[in-house]
Amino acid sequence: MSAVKNRLILALDFPSIHMAQSFALGSIGRVGAYKVGPVMFLAEGPKVIGWLQDKCGGGIFLDLKFHDIPNTVAGTVSRISHLNVDMFTVHSLGGTKMVKAARDTAAEGAEKLNLPRPKVVAVTVLTSHDEEEAKKLFGATDTVSAVLRLAEAAEKGGADGLVCSGNEIEPLKKEFGDRFKLIVPGVRLPGADVGDQKRTVTPKEAIEKGADFLVIGRTITQSDDPVKTLDEIAASIA
């Protein structure tokens, strides 16, 4: 069970700690990490990270998707060094220099504070983009081509992992092998509502294709029985 749960990241996309508490506490021992995105972080600030670390004990995936000029991203990363998160996201579209600035600053901050360096995870093409939109936005022949191009920039910048949809796992594995840890959001159980996600897969499909981590959000937080649903997901990938 431990190996399975370590691959699950619970997305706490709530506007307050109070709203997230029951889900976070109920998932202890069932997930390996918690995703904190902009909604929660802007509402509660860094204290939400401390609360999760103290009360739940899992890893922290800080998903703020930094995307700016390299100097600004470096300054931003320096401000989160003390939070001791396990991973944080940047947009690969920011380019190689920006990704490198994030990694270098994370390494410097970790060394100064005697903490492990957080992993830099580069977001490729958001799972809310469908094929046509992705082609228009990125000027590529298809979504896979766009993702591979962005992954190349992220690799040159020293990114440790990528966020991608389940559809791009196999092409990324073919091109880069095990160079990246692949984090897959937009995961839904068979028959579940996909919401605004356009490129979705089931947990089992994602793992079979080679995903390292699955981000599970609304599938759990909108479930009538979140704990049961988490257990079903774990069983499906065991």
C-alpha atoms as a PDB file:
ATOM      1  CA  MET A   1       0.000   0.000   0.000  1.00  0.00           C
ATOM      2  CA  SER A   2       2.855   2.369   0.835  1.00  0.00           C
ATOM      3  CA  ALA A   3       4.312   2.298  -2.678  1.00  0.00           C
ATOM      4  CA  VAL A   4       0.866   2.891  -4.164  1.00  0.00           C
ATOM      5  CA  LYS A   5      -0.095   5.780  -1.892  1.00  0.00           C
ATOM      6  CA  ASN A   6       3.236   7.505  -2.516  1.00  0.00           C
ATOM      7  CA  ARG A   7       2.194   7.932  -6.153  1.00  0.00           C
ATOM      8  CA  LEU A   8      -0.997   9.801  -5.254  1.00  0.00           C
ATOM      9  CA  ILE A   9      -1.078  13.579  -4.789  1.00  0.00           C
ATOM     10  CA  LEU A  10      -4.287  15.058  -3.390  1.00  0.00           C
ATOM     11  CA  ALA A  11      -5.139  18.470  -4.857  1.00  0.00           C
ATOM     12  CA  LEU A  12      -6.539  20.782  -2.184  1.00  0.00           C
ATOM     13  CA  ASP A  13      -8.009  23.460  -4.429  1.00  0.00           C
ATOM     14  CA  PHE A  14     -10.067  25.192  -1.759  1.00  0.00           C
ATOM     15  CA  PRO A  15     -10.209  28.869  -0.723  1.00  0.00           C
ATOM     16  CA  SER A  16      -9.507  28.086   2.943  1.00  0.00           C
ATOM     17  CA  ILE A  17      -7.818  25.582   5.225  1.00  0.00           C
ATOM     18  CA  HIS A  18     -11.145  25.074   6.988  1.00  0.00           C
ATOM     19  CA  MET A  19     -12.777  23.772   3.801  1.00  0.00           C
ATOM     20  CA  ALA A  20      -9.851  21.457   3.077  1.00  0.00           C
ATOM     21  CA  GLN A  21      -9.378  20.021   6.566  1.00  0.00           C
ATOM     22  CA  SER A  22     -11.717  17.050   6.373  1.00  0.00           C
ATOM     23  CA  PHE A  23     -10.274  15.932   3.026  1.00  0.00           C
ATOM     24  CA  ALA A  24      -6.670  16.368   4.123  1.00  0.00           C
ATOM     25  CA  LEU A  25      -7.111  14.646   7.479  1.00  0.00           C
ATOM     26  CA  GLY A  26      -9.224  11.875   5.974  1.00  0.00           C
ATOM     27  CA  SER A  27      -6.522  11.102   3.430  1.00  0.00           C
ATOM     28  CA  ILE A  28      -3.685  10.570   5.928  1.00  0.00           C
ATOM     29  CA  GLY A  29      -1.992   7.291   5.082  1.00  0.00           C
ATOM     30  CA  ARG A  30      -3.751   7.145   1.720  1.00  0.00           C
ATOM     31  CA  VAL A  31      -1.769   9.716  -0.292  1.00  0.00           C
ATOM     32  CA  GLY A  32       1.891  10.594  -0.502  1.00  0.00           C
ATOM     33  CA  ALA A  33       1.622  14.353  -0.967  1.00  0.00           C
ATOM     34  CA  TYR A  34      -0.719  17.331  -1.053  1.00  0.00           C
ATOM     35  CA  LYS A  35      -0.976  19.841  -3.887  1.00  0.00           C
ATOM     36  CA  VAL A  36      -1.347  23.463  -2.860  1.00  0.00           C
ATOM     37  CA  GLY A  37      -2.325  25.715  -5.756  1.00  0.00           C
ATOM     38  CA  PRO A  38      -2.884  29.460  -6.131  1.00  0.00           C
ATOM     39  CA  VAL A  39      -6.440  29.465  -4.747  1.00  0.00           C
ATOM     40  CA  MET A  40      -5.403  28.009  -1.390  1.00  0.00           C
ATOM     41  CA  PHE A  41      -2.017  29.727  -1.229  1.00  0.00           C
ATOM     42  CA  LEU A  42      -3.361  33.197  -1.961  1.00  0.00           C
ATOM     43  CA  ALA A  43      -6.153  32.737   0.566  1.00  0.00           C
ATOM     44  CA  GLU A  44      -4.092  31.317   3.420  1.00  0.00           C
ATOM     45  CA  GLY A  45      -0.474  32.088   2.630  1.00  0.00           C
ATOM     46  CA  PRO A  46       2.488  29.957   3.725  1.00  0.00           C
ATOM     47  CA  LYS A  47       0.735  28.847   6.922  1.00  0.00           C
ATOM     48  CA  VAL A  48      -1.203  26.249   4.934  1.00  0.00           C
ATOM     49  CA  ILE A  49       2.096  24.523   4.116  1.00  0.00           C
ATOM     50  CA  GLY A  50       3.017  24.371   7.787  1.00  0.00           C
ATOM     51  CA  TRP A  51      -0.425  23.101   8.735  1.00  0.00           C
ATOM     52  CA  LEU A  52      -0.253  20.242   6.237  1.00  0.00           C
ATOM     53  CA  GLN A  53       3.270  19.313   7.282  1.00  0.00           C
ATOM     54  CA  ASP A  54       2.329  19.315  10.976  1.00  0.00           C
ATOM     55  CA  LYS A  55      -1.087  17.659  10.774  1.00  0.00           C
ATOM     56  CA  CYS A  56      -0.856  15.348   7.772  1.00  0.00           C
ATOM     57  CA  GLY A  57       2.816  14.553   7.399  1.00  0.00           C
ATOM     58  CA  GLY A  58       2.819  14.081   3.618  1.00  0.00           C
ATOM     59  CA  GLY A  59       4.948  15.803   1.025  1.00  0.00           C
ATOM     60  CA  ILE A  60       4.040  19.204  -0.406  1.00  0.00           C
ATOM     61  CA  PHE A  61       3.613  19.896  -4.117  1.00  0.00           C
ATOM     62  CA  LEU A  62       3.464  23.693  -4.455  1.00  0.00           C
ATOM     63  CA  ASP A  63       1.696  24.249  -7.758  1.00  0.00           C
ATOM     64  CA  LEU A  64       1.920  27.998  -8.420  1.00  0.00           C
ATOM     65  CA  LYS A  65       3.239  27.632 -11.992  1.00  0.00           C
ATOM     66  CA  PHE A  66       5.816  30.423 -11.934  1.00  0.00           C
ATOM     67  CA  HIS A  67       6.154  32.094 -15.335  1.00  0.00           C
ATOM     68  CA  ASP A  68       8.076  35.356 -15.692  1.00  0.00           C
ATOM     69  CA  ILE A  69      11.499  36.628 -16.668  1.00  0.00           C
ATOM     70  CA  PRO A  70      14.334  34.574 -15.114  1.00  0.00           C
ATOM     71  CA  ASN A  71      15.296  37.227 -12.561  1.00  0.00           C
ATOM     72  CA  THR A  72      11.736  37.535 -11.256  1.00  0.00           C
ATOM     73  CA  VAL A  73      11.269  33.775 -11.042  1.00  0.00           C
ATOM     74  CA  ALA A  74      14.574  33.468  -9.189  1.00  0.00           C
ATOM     75  CA  GLY A  75      13.423  36.086  -6.698  1.00  0.00           C
ATOM     76  CA  THR A  76      10.118  34.301  -6.253  1.00  0.00           C
ATOM     77  CA  VAL A  77      11.739  30.912  -5.684  1.00  0.00           C
ATOM     78  CA  SER A  78      14.048  32.455  -3.088  1.00  0.00           C
ATOM     79  CA  ARG A  79      10.946  33.474  -1.127  1.00  0.00           C
ATOM     80  CA  ILE A  80       9.661  29.901  -0.849  1.00  0.00           C
ATOM     81  CA  SER A  81      12.942  28.223   0.095  1.00  0.00           C
ATOM     82  CA  HIS A  82      12.127  28.204   3.817  1.00  0.00           C
ATOM     83  CA  LEU A  83       8.818  26.393   3.239  1.00  0.00           C
ATOM     84  CA  ASN A  84      10.628  23.076   2.688  1.00  0.00           C
ATOM     85  CA  VAL A  85       8.268  21.894  -0.047  1.00  0.00           C
ATOM     86  CA  ASP A  86       9.081  18.742  -1.982  1.00  0.00           C
ATOM     87  CA  MET A  87       8.230  20.029  -5.456  1.00  0.00           C
ATOM     88  CA  PHE A  88       7.136  23.267  -7.099  1.00  0.00           C
ATOM     89  CA  THR A  89       5.996  24.115 -10.607  1.00  0.00           C
ATOM     90  CA  VAL A  90       7.146  26.510 -13.289  1.00  0.00           C
ATOM     91  CA  HIS A  91       5.780  26.941 -16.804  1.00  0.00           C
ATOM     92  CA  SER A  92       8.145  25.381 -19.332  1.00  0.00           C
ATOM     93  CA  LEU A  93       6.955  28.028 -21.787  1.00  0.00           C
ATOM     94  CA  GLY A  94       9.088  30.469 -19.770  1.00  0.00           C
ATOM     95  CA  GLY A  95      12.110  28.933 -21.473  1.00  0.00           C
ATOM     96  CA  THR A  96      15.359  27.229 -20.563  1.00  0.00           C
ATOM     97  CA  LYS A  97      16.913  30.237 -18.811  1.00  0.00           C
ATOM     98  CA  MET A  98      13.871  30.692 -16.597  1.00  0.00           C
ATOM     99  CA  VAL A  99      13.768  27.012 -15.625  1.00  0.00           C
ATOM    100  CA  LYS A 100      17.497  27.090 -14.862  1.00  0.00           C
ATOM    101  CA  ALA A 101      17.071  30.215 -12.726  1.00  0.00           C
ATOM    102  CA  ALA A 102      14.393  28.407 -10.715  1.00  0.00           C
ATOM    103  CA  ARG A 103      16.558  25.321 -10.195  1.00  0.00           C
ATOM    104  CA  ASP A 104      19.722  27.245  -9.337  1.00  0.00           C
ATOM    105  CA  THR A 105      17.901  29.448  -6.834  1.00  0.00           C
ATOM    106  CA  ALA A 106      16.176  26.454  -5.264  1.00  0.00           C
ATOM    107  CA  ALA A 107      19.556  24.758  -4.850  1.00  0.00           C
ATOM    108  CA  GLU A 108      21.139  27.856  -3.303  1.00  0.00           C
ATOM    109  CA  GLY A 109      18.267  28.319  -0.865  1.00  0.00           C
ATOM    110  CA  ALA A 110      18.295  24.682   0.177  1.00  0.00           C
ATOM    111  CA  GLU A 111      22.038  24.745   0.798  1.00  0.00           C
ATOM    112  CA  LYS A 112      21.819  27.875   2.949  1.00  0.00           C
ATOM    113  CA  LEU A 113      18.999  26.420   5.038  1.00  0.00           C
ATOM    114  CA  ASN A 114      20.424  22.880   5.125  1.00  0.00           C
ATOM    115  CA  LEU A 115      17.248  21.507   3.551  1.00  0.00           C
ATOM    116  CA  PRO A 116      16.710  19.090   0.652  1.00  0.00           C
ATOM    117  CA  ARG A 117      16.456  20.861  -2.691  1.00  0.00           C
ATOM    118  CA  PRO A 118      12.844  20.941  -3.877  1.00  0.00           C
ATOM    119  CA  LYS A 119      12.257  19.325  -7.245  1.00  0.00           C
ATOM    120  CA  VAL A 120      11.529  21.710 -10.117  1.00  0.00           C
ATOM    121  CA  VAL A 121       8.545  20.487 -12.127  1.00  0.00           C
ATOM    122  CA  ALA A 122       7.847  22.076 -15.505  1.00  0.00           C
ATOM    123  CA  VAL A 123       4.263  22.328 -16.723  1.00  0.00           C
ATOM    124  CA  THR A 124       3.918  21.549 -20.428  1.00  0.00           C
ATOM    125  CA  VAL A 125       0.473  21.922 -22.044  1.00  0.00           C
ATOM    126  CA  LEU A 126      -2.387  22.368 -19.591  1.00  0.00           C
ATOM    127  CA  THR A 127      -4.889  19.515 -19.546  1.00  0.00           C
ATOM    128  CA  SER A 128      -7.699  22.037 -20.118  1.00  0.00           C
ATOM    129  CA  HIS A 129      -6.411  22.615 -23.677  1.00  0.00           C
ATOM    130  CA  ASP A 130      -7.892  20.421 -26.377  1.00  0.00           C
ATOM    131  CA  GLU A 131      -6.000  19.452 -29.528  1.00  0.00           C
ATOM    132  CA  GLU A 132      -7.132  22.401 -31.652  1.00  0.00           C
ATOM    133  CA  GLU A 133      -6.459  24.990 -28.974  1.00  0.00           C
ATOM    134  CA  ALA A 134      -3.030  23.556 -28.263  1.00  0.00           C
ATOM    135  CA  LYS A 135      -2.105  23.675 -31.942  1.00  0.00           C
ATOM    136  CA  LYS A 136      -3.148  27.325 -32.207  1.00  0.00           C
ATOM    137  CA  LEU A 137      -1.403  28.411 -29.024  1.00  0.00           C
ATOM    138  CA  PHE A 138       1.878  26.594 -29.543  1.00  0.00           C
ATOM    139  CA  GLY A 139       2.159  26.577 -33.326  1.00  0.00           C
ATOM    140  CA  ALA A 140       2.732  22.828 -33.360  1.00  0.00           C
ATOM    141  CA  THR A 141       1.279  20.153 -35.603  1.00  0.00           C
ATOM    142  CA  ASP A 142      -0.306  18.452 -32.583  1.00  0.00           C
ATOM    143  CA  THR A 143      -0.296  18.496 -28.787  1.00  0.00           C
ATOM    144  CA  VAL A 144       2.384  15.828 -28.482  1.00  0.00           C
ATOM    145  CA  SER A 145       4.779  17.880 -30.626  1.00  0.00           C
ATOM    146  CA  ALA A 146       4.162  20.930 -28.444  1.00  0.00           C
ATOM    147  CA  VAL A 147       4.751  18.941 -25.254  1.00  0.00           C
ATOM    148  CA  LEU A 148       7.999  17.440 -26.572  1.00  0.00           C
ATOM    149  CA  ARG A 149       9.269  20.881 -27.580  1.00  0.00           C
ATOM    150  CA  LEU A 150       8.495  22.314 -24.153  1.00  0.00           C
ATOM    151  CA  ALA A 151      10.032  19.282 -22.453  1.00  0.00           C
ATOM    152  CA  GLU A 152      13.266  19.830 -24.357  1.00  0.00           C
ATOM    153  CA  ALA A 153      13.474  23.395 -23.047  1.00  0.00           C
ATOM    154  CA  ALA A 154      12.748  22.152 -19.531  1.00  0.00           C
ATOM    155  CA  GLU A 155      15.434  19.474 -19.785  1.00  0.00           C
ATOM    156  CA  LYS A 156      18.062  22.013 -20.823  1.00  0.00           C
ATOM    157  CA  GLY A 157      17.088  24.117 -17.817  1.00  0.00           C
ATOM    158  CA  GLY A 158      17.541  21.209 -15.427  1.00  0.00           C
ATOM    159  CA  ALA A 159      13.920  20.454 -14.550  1.00  0.00           C
ATOM    160  CA  ASP A 160      13.418  17.317 -12.497  1.00  0.00           C
ATOM    161  CA  GLY A 161       9.890  16.539 -13.629  1.00  0.00           C
ATOM    162  CA  LEU A 162       7.098  17.421 -16.011  1.00  0.00           C
ATOM    163  CA  VAL A 163       3.370  17.910 -15.685  1.00  0.00           C
ATOM    164  CA  CYS A 164       1.633  16.379 -18.692  1.00  0.00           C
ATOM    165  CA  SER A 165      -1.620  14.684 -19.589  1.00  0.00           C
ATOM    166  CA  GLY A 166      -1.871  10.926 -19.814  1.00  0.00           C
ATOM    167  CA  ASN A 167      -1.836  11.195 -23.596  1.00  0.00           C
ATOM    168  CA  GLU A 168       1.762  12.414 -23.633  1.00  0.00           C
ATOM    169  CA  ILE A 169       3.297   9.927 -21.190  1.00  0.00           C
ATOM    170  CA  GLU A 170       4.411   7.384 -23.777  1.00  0.00           C
ATOM    171  CA  PRO A 171       5.905   9.910 -26.252  1.00  0.00           C
ATOM    172  CA  LEU A 172       7.813  11.545 -23.388  1.00  0.00           C
ATOM    173  CA  LYS A 173       9.106   8.195 -22.155  1.00  0.00           C
ATOM    174  CA  LYS A 174      10.197   7.303 -25.683  1.00  0.00           C
ATOM    175  CA  GLU A 175      12.024  10.614 -26.164  1.00  0.00           C
ATOM    176  CA  PHE A 176      13.528  11.146 -22.701  1.00  0.00           C
ATOM    177  CA  GLY A 177      13.446   7.742 -21.000  1.00  0.00           C
ATOM    178  CA  ASP A 178      13.487   8.130 -17.225  1.00  0.00           C
ATOM    179  CA  ARG A 179      15.049  11.601 -17.332  1.00  0.00           C
ATOM    180  CA  PHE A 180      11.887  13.159 -15.868  1.00  0.00           C
ATOM    181  CA  LYS A 181       9.399  12.248 -13.187  1.00  0.00           C
ATOM    182  CA  LEU A 182       6.005  12.533 -14.890  1.00  0.00           C
ATOM    183  CA  ILE A 183       3.145  14.032 -12.907  1.00  0.00           C
ATOM    184  CA  VAL A 184      -0.288  13.545 -14.430  1.00  0.00           C
ATOM    185  CA  PRO A 185      -3.359  15.613 -13.501  1.00  0.00           C
ATOM    186  CA  GLY A 186      -6.791  15.303 -15.090  1.00  0.00           C
ATOM    187  CA  VAL A 187      -7.143  11.743 -13.810  1.00  0.00           C
ATOM    188  CA  ARG A 188     -10.690  10.406 -13.556  1.00  0.00           C
ATOM    189  CA  LEU A 189     -12.244   7.084 -12.635  1.00  0.00           C
ATOM    190  CA  PRO A 190     -14.152   5.363 -15.469  1.00  0.00           C
ATOM    191  CA  GLY A 191     -17.493   7.081 -16.081  1.00  0.00           C
ATOM    192  CA  ALA A 192     -16.688  10.119 -13.925  1.00  0.00           C
ATOM    193  CA  ASP A 193     -17.449  13.691 -15.016  1.00  0.00           C
ATOM    194  CA  VAL A 194     -14.333  15.201 -16.650  1.00  0.00           C
ATOM    195  CA  GLY A 195     -15.373  18.820 -15.996  1.00  0.00           C
ATOM    196  CA  ASP A 196     -13.140  21.303 -17.822  1.00  0.00           C
ATOM    197  CA  GLN A 197     -10.408  18.736 -18.449  1.00  0.00           C
ATOM    198  CA  LYS A 198      -9.964  17.860 -22.115  1.00  0.00           C
ATOM    199  CA  ARG A 199      -7.214  15.232 -22.074  1.00  0.00           C
ATOM    200  CA  THR A 200      -8.021  12.757 -19.325  1.00  0.00           C
ATOM    201  CA  VAL A 201      -7.122   9.165 -18.469  1.00  0.00           C
ATOM    202  CA  THR A 202      -8.062   6.743 -15.718  1.00  0.00           C
ATOM    203  CA  PRO A 203      -5.562   6.148 -12.887  1.00  0.00           C
ATOM    204  CA  LYS A 204      -4.834   2.649 -14.171  1.00  0.00           C
ATOM    205  CA  GLU A 205      -4.210   3.888 -17.722  1.00  0.00           C
ATOM    206  CA  ALA A 206      -1.831   6.580 -16.503  1.00  0.00           C
ATOM    207  CA  ILE A 207       0.230   4.191 -14.387  1.00  0.00           C
ATOM    208  CA  GLU A 208       0.360   1.545 -17.122  1.00  0.00           C
ATOM    209  CA  LYS A 209       1.661   4.163 -19.558  1.00  0.00           C
ATOM    210  CA  GLY A 210       4.442   5.141 -17.169  1.00  0.00           C
ATOM    211  CA  ALA A 211       3.217   7.995 -14.945  1.00  0.00           C
ATOM    212  CA  ASP A 212       5.188   8.449 -11.735  1.00  0.00           C
ATOM    213  CA  PHE A 213       2.593  10.490  -9.828  1.00  0.00           C
ATOM    214  CA  LEU A 214      -1.133  11.124 -10.202  1.00  0.00           C
ATOM    215  CA  VAL A 215      -2.795  14.360  -9.110  1.00  0.00           C
ATOM    216  CA  ILE A 216      -6.274  13.593  -7.812  1.00  0.00           C
ATOM    217  CA  GLY A 217      -8.588  16.515  -7.104  1.00  0.00           C
ATOM    218  CA  ARG A 218     -12.272  16.820  -7.878  1.00  0.00           C
ATOM    219  CA  THR A 219     -12.605  13.052  -8.187  1.00  0.00           C
ATOM    220  CA  ILE A 220     -12.062  12.998  -4.418  1.00  0.00           C
ATOM    221  CA  THR A 221     -13.322  16.365  -3.228  1.00  0.00           C
ATOM    222  CA  GLN A 222     -16.634  16.020  -5.084  1.00  0.00           C
ATOM    223  CA  SER A 223     -17.155  12.401  -4.066  1.00  0.00           C
ATOM    224  CA  ASP A 224     -19.952  11.383  -1.698  1.00  0.00           C
ATOM    225  CA  ASP A 225     -17.408   9.145   0.032  1.00  0.00           C
ATOM    226  CA  PRO A 226     -13.876  10.551  -0.478  1.00  0.00           C
ATOM    227  CA  VAL A 227     -12.108   7.854   1.531  1.00  0.00           C
ATOM    228  CA  LYS A 228     -13.842   5.059  -0.376  1.00  0.00           C
ATOM    229  CA  THR A 229     -12.990   6.732  -3.687  1.00  0.00           C
ATOM    230  CA  LEU A 230      -9.339   7.092  -2.676  1.00  0.00           C
ATOM    231  CA  ASP A 231      -9.237   3.419  -1.785  1.00  0.00           C
ATOM    232  CA  GLU A 232     -10.807   2.533  -5.152  1.00  0.00           C
ATOM    233  CA  ILE A 233      -8.144   4.546  -6.963  1.00  0.00           C
ATOM    234  CA  ALA A 234      -5.372   2.901  -4.947  1.00  0.00           C
ATOM    235  CA  ALA A 235      -6.796  -0.551  -5.667  1.00  0.00           C
ATOM    236  CA  SER A 236      -6.993   0.214  -9.391  1.00  0.00           C
ATOM    237  CA  ILE A 237      -3.250   0.922  -9.607  1.00  0.00           C
ATOM    238  CA  ALA A 238      -1.970  -1.637  -7.086  1.00  0.00           C
END
